[in-house]
Amino acid sequence: MSRNIIITGASGNLGSAVVEKFKREGYHIITLTHPSKDEFIEEADDSYEVDVTNEEEVQAFVTEFQLQYGELDALALLVGGFSMGGFDKTSQEDIQKMFQLNFFSAFHLVRGFLPIMKKQQKGTFLFVGARPALELSSAPDMLAYSLSKRLVITLTEILGEEIKDSPIRSHVFVPSIIDTPLNRKSMPDADFTKWVRADEIAEAMHYAVNTSALRNMTFKLYGEV
């Protein structure tokens, strides 16, 4: 029987690494791409155009998934965005944008698939947090981003309470600076060898999904930064 994993944000640097890792390990890869973007994920077994920030579109996909696949082994919630700006430069619109991209993109899918995982009595949720949401020293300079990622981390904690007496698991992965071409371009003088690599995060996610002894963990993936 195929092991199914849904991956959002699969075209990004982290998403590509997660797709590659789970594909290599024999998972059936189902990716969700944004309808307005021309995205093709070569390694995906199946791909659906779904705006994961839209509650109705997500619910329609959940219904389709149940008809097509039945069971879900893992849900990797990798869609997200980043913004700089402190109190003096952060508007309500800025915060709402970050909440849509980072929080609601995860919340809608959790709400849709939690009943399925409860019914099948298995499954793992994989979230992505951010270091400034845990260590607040740099949070004031990226206020909207930090608030939204803090909300994601809180969501994983509340979900952990909801599923604590079941085999379902929820993990959040908190990277520092991920080694990506964009980050290298924006910080050309940095020591890239100290950053965490996307493939290292993907390895951690696969390990978490396949290690039942790990329950509702926060993985701090800071490299040497």
C-alpha atoms as a PDB file:
ATOM      1  CA  MET A   1       0.000   0.000   0.000  1.00  0.00           C
ATOM      2  CA  SER A   2       1.318   3.460  -0.911  1.00  0.00           C
ATOM      3  CA  ARG A   3       2.278   5.853   1.831  1.00  0.00           C
ATOM      4  CA  ASN A   4       0.713   9.199   0.954  1.00  0.00           C
ATOM      5  CA  ILE A   5       2.209  12.565   1.825  1.00  0.00           C
ATOM      6  CA  ILE A   6       0.733  15.941   0.903  1.00  0.00           C
ATOM      7  CA  ILE A   7       3.311  18.709   0.483  1.00  0.00           C
ATOM      8  CA  THR A   8       2.402  22.382   0.161  1.00  0.00           C
ATOM      9  CA  GLY A   9       4.985  24.884  -1.023  1.00  0.00           C
ATOM     10  CA  ALA A  10       6.693  22.082  -2.923  1.00  0.00           C
ATOM     11  CA  SER A  11       8.288  24.359  -5.535  1.00  0.00           C
ATOM     12  CA  GLY A  12      10.339  26.278  -2.974  1.00  0.00           C
ATOM     13  CA  ASN A  13      13.863  25.406  -1.862  1.00  0.00           C
ATOM     14  CA  LEU A  14      12.705  23.559   1.250  1.00  0.00           C
ATOM     15  CA  GLY A  15       9.722  22.051  -0.550  1.00  0.00           C
ATOM     16  CA  SER A  16      11.906  20.656  -3.331  1.00  0.00           C
ATOM     17  CA  ALA A  17      14.195  19.005  -0.781  1.00  0.00           C
ATOM     18  CA  VAL A  18      11.244  17.483   1.087  1.00  0.00           C
ATOM     19  CA  VAL A  19       9.707  16.183  -2.144  1.00  0.00           C
ATOM     20  CA  GLU A  20      13.026  14.639  -3.175  1.00  0.00           C
ATOM     21  CA  LYS A  21      13.617  12.969   0.197  1.00  0.00           C
ATOM     22  CA  PHE A  22      10.164  11.441   0.588  1.00  0.00           C
ATOM     23  CA  LYS A  23      10.065  10.386  -3.070  1.00  0.00           C
ATOM     24  CA  ARG A  24      13.382   8.599  -2.608  1.00  0.00           C
ATOM     25  CA  GLU A  25      11.956   6.818   0.431  1.00  0.00           C
ATOM     26  CA  GLY A  26       9.018   5.451  -1.543  1.00  0.00           C
ATOM     27  CA  TYR A  27       6.212   7.833  -0.624  1.00  0.00           C
ATOM     28  CA  HIS A  28       3.380   8.775  -2.982  1.00  0.00           C
ATOM     29  CA  ILE A  29       3.902  12.523  -3.414  1.00  0.00           C
ATOM     30  CA  ILE A  30       0.839  14.769  -3.668  1.00  0.00           C
ATOM     31  CA  THR A  31       1.669  18.451  -4.117  1.00  0.00           C
ATOM     32  CA  LEU A  32      -0.563  21.499  -3.849  1.00  0.00           C
ATOM     33  CA  THR A  33       0.343  24.446  -6.065  1.00  0.00           C
ATOM     34  CA  HIS A  34      -1.174  27.915  -6.259  1.00  0.00           C
ATOM     35  CA  PRO A  35      -3.648  28.343  -9.152  1.00  0.00           C
ATOM     36  CA  SER A  36      -2.063  31.650 -10.232  1.00  0.00           C
ATOM     37  CA  LYS A  37       1.447  30.229 -10.521  1.00  0.00           C
ATOM     38  CA  ASP A  38       2.772  28.118 -13.347  1.00  0.00           C
ATOM     39  CA  GLU A  39       4.380  25.461 -11.174  1.00  0.00           C
ATOM     40  CA  PHE A  40       5.358  21.979 -12.290  1.00  0.00           C
ATOM     41  CA  ILE A  41       6.779  19.557  -9.731  1.00  0.00           C
ATOM     42  CA  GLU A  42       8.493  16.841 -11.755  1.00  0.00           C
ATOM     43  CA  GLU A  43       8.857  14.401  -8.846  1.00  0.00           C
ATOM     44  CA  ALA A  44       5.202  14.679  -7.803  1.00  0.00           C
ATOM     45  CA  ASP A  45       2.984  11.666  -8.415  1.00  0.00           C
ATOM     46  CA  ASP A  46      -0.088  13.892  -8.348  1.00  0.00           C
ATOM     47  CA  SER A  47      -0.506  17.644  -8.217  1.00  0.00           C
ATOM     48  CA  TYR A  48      -3.524  19.850  -7.482  1.00  0.00           C
ATOM     49  CA  GLU A  49      -4.045  23.565  -7.896  1.00  0.00           C
ATOM     50  CA  VAL A  50      -5.303  24.784  -4.524  1.00  0.00           C
ATOM     51  CA  ASP A  51      -5.019  28.182  -2.874  1.00  0.00           C
ATOM     52  CA  VAL A  52      -4.269  26.923   0.628  1.00  0.00           C
ATOM     53  CA  THR A  53      -5.129  30.314   2.135  1.00  0.00           C
ATOM     54  CA  ASN A  54      -8.697  29.863   0.845  1.00  0.00           C
ATOM     55  CA  GLU A  55     -10.901  27.853   3.196  1.00  0.00           C
ATOM     56  CA  GLU A  56     -13.391  26.755   0.535  1.00  0.00           C
ATOM     57  CA  GLU A  57     -10.719  25.558  -1.919  1.00  0.00           C
ATOM     58  CA  VAL A  58      -9.005  23.544   0.801  1.00  0.00           C
ATOM     59  CA  GLN A  59     -12.245  21.905   1.870  1.00  0.00           C
ATOM     60  CA  ALA A  60     -12.997  20.956  -1.742  1.00  0.00           C
ATOM     61  CA  PHE A  61      -9.550  19.354  -1.991  1.00  0.00           C
ATOM     62  CA  VAL A  62     -10.081  17.446   1.275  1.00  0.00           C
ATOM     63  CA  THR A  63     -13.258  15.964  -0.177  1.00  0.00           C
ATOM     64  CA  GLU A  64     -11.449  15.055  -3.412  1.00  0.00           C
ATOM     65  CA  PHE A  65      -8.602  13.474  -1.453  1.00  0.00           C
ATOM     66  CA  GLN A  66     -10.963  11.226   0.475  1.00  0.00           C
ATOM     67  CA  LEU A  67     -12.487   9.991  -2.784  1.00  0.00           C
ATOM     68  CA  GLN A  68      -9.150   9.416  -4.522  1.00  0.00           C
ATOM     69  CA  TYR A  69      -6.790   8.224  -1.801  1.00  0.00           C
ATOM     70  CA  GLY A  70      -8.528   7.444   1.465  1.00  0.00           C
ATOM     71  CA  GLU A  71      -5.641   7.531   3.934  1.00  0.00           C
ATOM     72  CA  LEU A  72      -2.928  10.095   4.611  1.00  0.00           C
ATOM     73  CA  ASP A  73       0.397   9.336   6.279  1.00  0.00           C
ATOM     74  CA  ALA A  74       1.877  12.825   6.487  1.00  0.00           C
ATOM     75  CA  LEU A  75       1.000  16.431   5.759  1.00  0.00           C
ATOM     76  CA  ALA A  76       3.939  18.810   5.203  1.00  0.00           C
ATOM     77  CA  LEU A  77       2.795  22.409   5.552  1.00  0.00           C
ATOM     78  CA  LEU A  78       5.583  24.341   3.859  1.00  0.00           C
ATOM     79  CA  VAL A  79       3.794  27.324   2.291  1.00  0.00           C
ATOM     80  CA  GLY A  80       4.999  30.566   3.819  1.00  0.00           C
ATOM     81  CA  GLY A  81       6.332  34.035   3.323  1.00  0.00           C
ATOM     82  CA  PHE A  82       8.785  36.457   4.910  1.00  0.00           C
ATOM     83  CA  SER A  83       8.812  40.198   5.532  1.00  0.00           C
ATOM     84  CA  MET A  84      10.964  42.708   7.362  1.00  0.00           C
ATOM     85  CA  GLY A  85       9.656  45.696   9.295  1.00  0.00           C
ATOM     86  CA  GLY A  86       9.356  46.826  12.891  1.00  0.00           C
ATOM     87  CA  PHE A  87       6.557  48.562  14.785  1.00  0.00           C
ATOM     88  CA  ASP A  88       7.065  51.791  12.868  1.00  0.00           C
ATOM     89  CA  LYS A  89       6.740  50.167   9.441  1.00  0.00           C
ATOM     90  CA  THR A  90       4.211  47.369  10.024  1.00  0.00           C
ATOM     91  CA  SER A  91       0.578  47.942   9.110  1.00  0.00           C
ATOM     92  CA  GLN A  92      -2.493  45.850   9.764  1.00  0.00           C
ATOM     93  CA  GLU A  93      -2.370  44.834   6.098  1.00  0.00           C
ATOM     94  CA  ASP A  94       1.217  43.596   6.530  1.00  0.00           C
ATOM     95  CA  ILE A  95       0.200  41.450   9.496  1.00  0.00           C
ATOM     96  CA  GLN A  96      -2.860  40.086   7.703  1.00  0.00           C
ATOM     97  CA  LYS A  97      -0.706  39.122   4.703  1.00  0.00           C
ATOM     98  CA  MET A  98       1.747  37.205   6.881  1.00  0.00           C
ATOM     99  CA  PHE A  99      -1.101  35.557   8.797  1.00  0.00           C
ATOM    100  CA  GLN A 100      -2.660  34.412   5.512  1.00  0.00           C
ATOM    101  CA  LEU A 101       0.588  33.015   4.116  1.00  0.00           C
ATOM    102  CA  ASN A 102       2.055  31.470   7.252  1.00  0.00           C
ATOM    103  CA  PHE A 103      -0.850  30.661   9.549  1.00  0.00           C
ATOM    104  CA  PHE A 104      -4.040  30.155   7.555  1.00  0.00           C
ATOM    105  CA  SER A 105      -2.189  28.178   4.857  1.00  0.00           C
ATOM    106  CA  ALA A 106      -1.551  25.623   7.611  1.00  0.00           C
ATOM    107  CA  PHE A 107      -4.713  26.009   9.674  1.00  0.00           C
ATOM    108  CA  HIS A 108      -7.148  25.278   6.829  1.00  0.00           C
ATOM    109  CA  LEU A 109      -5.396  22.000   6.029  1.00  0.00           C
ATOM    110  CA  VAL A 110      -5.140  20.961   9.681  1.00  0.00           C
ATOM    111  CA  ARG A 111      -8.834  21.606  10.134  1.00  0.00           C
ATOM    112  CA  GLY A 112      -9.621  19.623   7.002  1.00  0.00           C
ATOM    113  CA  PHE A 113      -7.399  16.605   7.600  1.00  0.00           C
ATOM    114  CA  LEU A 114      -7.563  16.215  11.373  1.00  0.00           C
ATOM    115  CA  PRO A 115     -10.914  14.340  11.205  1.00  0.00           C
ATOM    116  CA  ILE A 116      -9.417  12.008   8.568  1.00  0.00           C
ATOM    117  CA  MET A 117      -6.376  11.259  10.711  1.00  0.00           C
ATOM    118  CA  LYS A 118      -8.578  10.705  13.756  1.00  0.00           C
ATOM    119  CA  LYS A 119     -10.697   8.250  11.805  1.00  0.00           C
ATOM    120  CA  GLN A 120      -7.712   6.329  10.439  1.00  0.00           C
ATOM    121  CA  GLN A 121      -5.858   6.604  13.784  1.00  0.00           C
ATOM    122  CA  LYS A 122      -2.547   7.573  12.231  1.00  0.00           C
ATOM    123  CA  GLY A 123      -0.780  10.467  10.544  1.00  0.00           C
ATOM    124  CA  THR A 124       1.807  13.173  11.129  1.00  0.00           C
ATOM    125  CA  PHE A 125       1.526  16.939  10.729  1.00  0.00           C
ATOM    126  CA  LEU A 126       4.752  18.757   9.792  1.00  0.00           C
ATOM    127  CA  PHE A 127       4.901  22.515  10.409  1.00  0.00           C
ATOM    128  CA  VAL A 128       7.601  25.124   9.811  1.00  0.00           C
ATOM    129  CA  GLY A 129       8.233  27.734  12.477  1.00  0.00           C
ATOM    130  CA  ALA A 130      10.945  30.389  12.664  1.00  0.00           C
ATOM    131  CA  ARG A 131      13.688  31.173  15.137  1.00  0.00           C
ATOM    132  CA  PRO A 132      12.498  34.770  15.796  1.00  0.00           C
ATOM    133  CA  ALA A 133       9.154  33.330  16.913  1.00  0.00           C
ATOM    134  CA  LEU A 134      10.951  31.431  19.695  1.00  0.00           C
ATOM    135  CA  GLU A 135      13.873  33.725  20.463  1.00  0.00           C
ATOM    136  CA  LEU A 136      12.406  37.201  20.450  1.00  0.00           C
ATOM    137  CA  SER A 137      15.604  39.252  20.288  1.00  0.00           C
ATOM    138  CA  SER A 138      15.297  39.667  16.508  1.00  0.00           C
ATOM    139  CA  ALA A 139      11.490  39.616  16.377  1.00  0.00           C
ATOM    140  CA  PRO A 140      10.991  43.417  16.571  1.00  0.00           C
ATOM    141  CA  ASP A 141      12.744  43.849  13.212  1.00  0.00           C
ATOM    142  CA  MET A 142      10.417  41.350  11.494  1.00  0.00           C
ATOM    143  CA  LEU A 143       7.258  41.924  13.469  1.00  0.00           C
ATOM    144  CA  ALA A 144       4.522  40.595  11.156  1.00  0.00           C
ATOM    145  CA  TYR A 145       6.576  37.550  10.190  1.00  0.00           C
ATOM    146  CA  SER A 146       7.438  36.711  13.795  1.00  0.00           C
ATOM    147  CA  LEU A 147       3.845  37.097  14.958  1.00  0.00           C
ATOM    148  CA  SER A 148       2.574  34.799  12.220  1.00  0.00           C
ATOM    149  CA  LYS A 149       5.192  32.130  12.886  1.00  0.00           C
ATOM    150  CA  ARG A 150       4.554  32.374  16.633  1.00  0.00           C
ATOM    151  CA  LEU A 151       0.929  31.602  15.842  1.00  0.00           C
ATOM    152  CA  VAL A 152       1.995  28.557  13.810  1.00  0.00           C
ATOM    153  CA  ILE A 153       4.018  27.262  16.750  1.00  0.00           C
ATOM    154  CA  THR A 154       1.081  27.831  19.094  1.00  0.00           C
ATOM    155  CA  LEU A 155      -1.149  25.964  16.652  1.00  0.00           C
ATOM    156  CA  THR A 156       1.150  22.943  16.816  1.00  0.00           C
ATOM    157  CA  GLU A 157       1.060  23.057  20.616  1.00  0.00           C
ATOM    158  CA  ILE A 158      -2.737  23.242  20.779  1.00  0.00           C
ATOM    159  CA  LEU A 159      -2.985  20.493  18.171  1.00  0.00           C
ATOM    160  CA  GLY A 160      -0.626  18.440  20.335  1.00  0.00           C
ATOM    161  CA  GLU A 161      -3.108  18.698  23.196  1.00  0.00           C
ATOM    162  CA  GLU A 162      -5.957  17.692  20.901  1.00  0.00           C
ATOM    163  CA  ILE A 163      -4.184  14.519  19.748  1.00  0.00           C
ATOM    164  CA  LYS A 164      -2.181  13.618  22.852  1.00  0.00           C
ATOM    165  CA  ASP A 165      -4.206  10.461  23.535  1.00  0.00           C
ATOM    166  CA  SER A 166      -4.040   9.238  19.932  1.00  0.00           C
ATOM    167  CA  PRO A 167      -1.338   7.846  17.592  1.00  0.00           C
ATOM    168  CA  ILE A 168      -1.439  11.082  15.551  1.00  0.00           C
ATOM    169  CA  ARG A 169       1.630  13.276  15.856  1.00  0.00           C
ATOM    170  CA  SER A 170       2.441  16.934  15.248  1.00  0.00           C
ATOM    171  CA  HIS A 171       5.966  18.333  14.841  1.00  0.00           C
ATOM    172  CA  VAL A 172       7.269  21.829  14.166  1.00  0.00           C
ATOM    173  CA  PHE A 173      10.653  22.458  12.550  1.00  0.00           C
ATOM    174  CA  VAL A 174      12.289  25.755  13.464  1.00  0.00           C
ATOM    175  CA  PRO A 175      15.195  26.695  11.197  1.00  0.00           C
ATOM    176  CA  SER A 176      17.529  29.638  11.525  1.00  0.00           C
ATOM    177  CA  ILE A 177      18.833  30.843   8.145  1.00  0.00           C
ATOM    178  CA  ILE A 178      18.264  28.247   5.423  1.00  0.00           C
ATOM    179  CA  ASP A 179      20.995  28.006   2.804  1.00  0.00           C
ATOM    180  CA  THR A 180      19.139  29.119  -0.342  1.00  0.00           C
ATOM    181  CA  PRO A 181      20.267  31.099  -3.414  1.00  0.00           C
ATOM    182  CA  LEU A 182      18.077  34.041  -2.340  1.00  0.00           C
ATOM    183  CA  ASN A 183      19.559  34.136   1.163  1.00  0.00           C
ATOM    184  CA  ARG A 184      23.079  33.923  -0.242  1.00  0.00           C
ATOM    185  CA  LYS A 185      22.332  36.832  -2.572  1.00  0.00           C
ATOM    186  CA  SER A 186      20.892  38.975   0.226  1.00  0.00           C
ATOM    187  CA  MET A 187      23.782  38.184   2.619  1.00  0.00           C
ATOM    188  CA  PRO A 188      26.808  37.724   0.329  1.00  0.00           C
ATOM    189  CA  ASP A 189      29.393  38.213   3.107  1.00  0.00           C
ATOM    190  CA  ALA A 190      27.947  35.553   5.418  1.00  0.00           C
ATOM    191  CA  ASP A 191      29.533  32.172   6.108  1.00  0.00           C
ATOM    192  CA  PHE A 192      27.100  29.908   4.241  1.00  0.00           C
ATOM    193  CA  THR A 193      28.631  26.765   5.742  1.00  0.00           C
ATOM    194  CA  LYS A 194      27.099  27.677   9.095  1.00  0.00           C
ATOM    195  CA  TRP A 195      23.553  27.813   7.747  1.00  0.00           C
ATOM    196  CA  VAL A 196      21.151  24.879   7.873  1.00  0.00           C
ATOM    197  CA  ARG A 197      20.596  23.169   4.519  1.00  0.00           C
ATOM    198  CA  ALA A 198      17.161  22.372   3.112  1.00  0.00           C
ATOM    199  CA  ASP A 199      18.086  18.704   2.695  1.00  0.00           C
ATOM    200  CA  GLU A 200      18.982  18.534   6.413  1.00  0.00           C
ATOM    201  CA  ILE A 201      15.510  19.783   7.318  1.00  0.00           C
ATOM    202  CA  ALA A 202      13.990  17.248   4.913  1.00  0.00           C
ATOM    203  CA  GLU A 203      15.976  14.474   6.588  1.00  0.00           C
ATOM    204  CA  ALA A 204      14.697  15.589   9.992  1.00  0.00           C
ATOM    205  CA  MET A 205      11.113  15.598   8.729  1.00  0.00           C
ATOM    206  CA  HIS A 206      11.416  12.093   7.318  1.00  0.00           C
ATOM    207  CA  TYR A 207      12.964  10.865  10.566  1.00  0.00           C
ATOM    208  CA  ALA A 208      10.144  12.425  12.593  1.00  0.00           C
ATOM    209  CA  VAL A 209       7.433  10.885  10.426  1.00  0.00           C
ATOM    210  CA  ASN A 210       8.984   7.440  10.725  1.00  0.00           C
ATOM    211  CA  THR A 211       9.875   7.484  14.423  1.00  0.00           C
ATOM    212  CA  SER A 212       6.731   6.848  16.435  1.00  0.00           C
ATOM    213  CA  ALA A 213       8.531   7.464  19.736  1.00  0.00           C
ATOM    214  CA  LEU A 214       8.753  11.164  18.836  1.00  0.00           C
ATOM    215  CA  ARG A 215       5.554  12.917  19.803  1.00  0.00           C
ATOM    216  CA  ASN A 216       4.718  16.571  19.249  1.00  0.00           C
ATOM    217  CA  MET A 217       8.318  17.776  19.093  1.00  0.00           C
ATOM    218  CA  THR A 218       9.924  21.129  18.365  1.00  0.00           C
ATOM    219  CA  PHE A 219      13.030  20.611  16.229  1.00  0.00           C
ATOM    220  CA  LYS A 220      15.472  23.521  16.448  1.00  0.00           C
ATOM    221  CA  LEU A 221      17.563  23.416  13.273  1.00  0.00           C
ATOM    222  CA  TYR A 222      19.952  26.316  13.744  1.00  0.00           C
ATOM    223  CA  GLY A 223      23.128  25.026  12.110  1.00  0.00           C
ATOM    224  CA  GLU A 224      26.050  26.966  13.576  1.00  0.00           C
ATOM    225  CA  VAL A 225      24.379  30.379  13.494  1.00  0.00           C
END
